[in-house]
C-alpha atoms as a PDB file:
ATOM      1  CA  UNK A   1     -79.233  -7.168  -5.598  1.00  0.00           C
ATOM      2  CA  UNK A   2     -78.842  -4.160  -7.874  1.00  0.00           C
ATOM      3  CA  UNK A   3     -80.203  -0.666  -7.020  1.00  0.00           C
ATOM      4  CA  UNK A   4     -82.227   1.239  -9.493  1.00  0.00           C
ATOM      5  CA  UNK A   5     -83.522   4.870  -9.383  1.00  0.00           C
ATOM      6  CA  UNK A   6     -86.410   5.818 -11.684  1.00  0.00           C
ATOM      7  CA  UNK A   7     -87.306   9.401 -12.552  1.00  0.00           C
ATOM      8  CA  UNK A   8     -90.956  10.057 -13.396  1.00  0.00           C
ATOM      9  CA  UNK A   9     -92.411  13.350 -14.606  1.00  0.00           C
ATOM     10  CA  UNK A  10     -93.934  15.188 -17.488  1.00  0.00           C
ATOM     11  CA  UNK A  11     -92.051  16.125 -20.564  1.00  0.00           C
ATOM     12  CA  UNK A  12     -89.572  18.923 -19.914  1.00  0.00           C
ATOM     13  CA  UNK A  13     -89.567  18.529 -16.149  1.00  0.00           C
ATOM     14  CA  UNK A  14     -85.751  17.739 -16.003  1.00  0.00           C
ATOM     15  CA  UNK A  15     -85.782  13.985 -15.566  1.00  0.00           C
ATOM     16  CA  UNK A  16     -82.867  13.550 -17.959  1.00  0.00           C
ATOM     17  CA  UNK A  17     -80.841  16.439 -16.526  1.00  0.00           C
ATOM     18  CA  UNK A  18     -81.235  15.017 -13.015  1.00  0.00           C
ATOM     19  CA  UNK A  19     -80.449  11.483 -14.048  1.00  0.00           C
ATOM     20  CA  UNK A  20     -77.304  12.687 -15.842  1.00  0.00           C
ATOM     21  CA  UNK A  21     -76.167  14.664 -12.821  1.00  0.00           C
ATOM     22  CA  UNK A  22     -76.796  11.729 -10.550  1.00  0.00           C
ATOM     23  CA  UNK A  23     -74.738   9.370 -12.784  1.00  0.00           C
ATOM     24  CA  UNK A  24     -71.892  11.889 -12.996  1.00  0.00           C
ATOM     25  CA  UNK A  25     -71.766  12.352  -9.187  1.00  0.00           C
ATOM     26  CA  UNK A  26     -72.379   8.729  -8.082  1.00  0.00           C
ATOM     27  CA  UNK A  27     -71.043   6.408 -10.789  1.00  0.00           C
ATOM     28  CA  UNK A  28     -74.515   5.109 -11.517  1.00  0.00           C
ATOM     29  CA  UNK A  29     -75.221   4.148 -15.087  1.00  0.00           C
ATOM     30  CA  UNK A  30     -77.756   6.422 -16.895  1.00  0.00           C
ATOM     31  CA  UNK A  31     -80.110   4.502 -19.294  1.00  0.00           C
ATOM     32  CA  UNK A  32     -82.488   6.619 -21.274  1.00  0.00           C
ATOM     33  CA  UNK A  33     -85.402   4.374 -22.102  1.00  0.00           C
ATOM     34  CA  UNK A  34     -86.757   6.810 -24.703  1.00  0.00           C
ATOM     35  CA  UNK A  35     -83.544   6.631 -26.668  1.00  0.00           C
ATOM     36  CA  UNK A  36     -83.550   2.865 -26.411  1.00  0.00           C
ATOM     37  CA  UNK A  37     -87.104   2.599 -27.782  1.00  0.00           C
ATOM     38  CA  UNK A  38     -86.245   4.828 -30.707  1.00  0.00           C
ATOM     39  CA  UNK A  39     -83.417   2.554 -31.838  1.00  0.00           C
END
């Protein structure tokens, strides 16, 4: 089973910043859904 962590919050609340820090410190992969939807 694969673990997933989801950050929820209003625009500008720091979700992306926290996700990037978590990925850097744990080896998790950071997937930005907003960026994927814009492609």
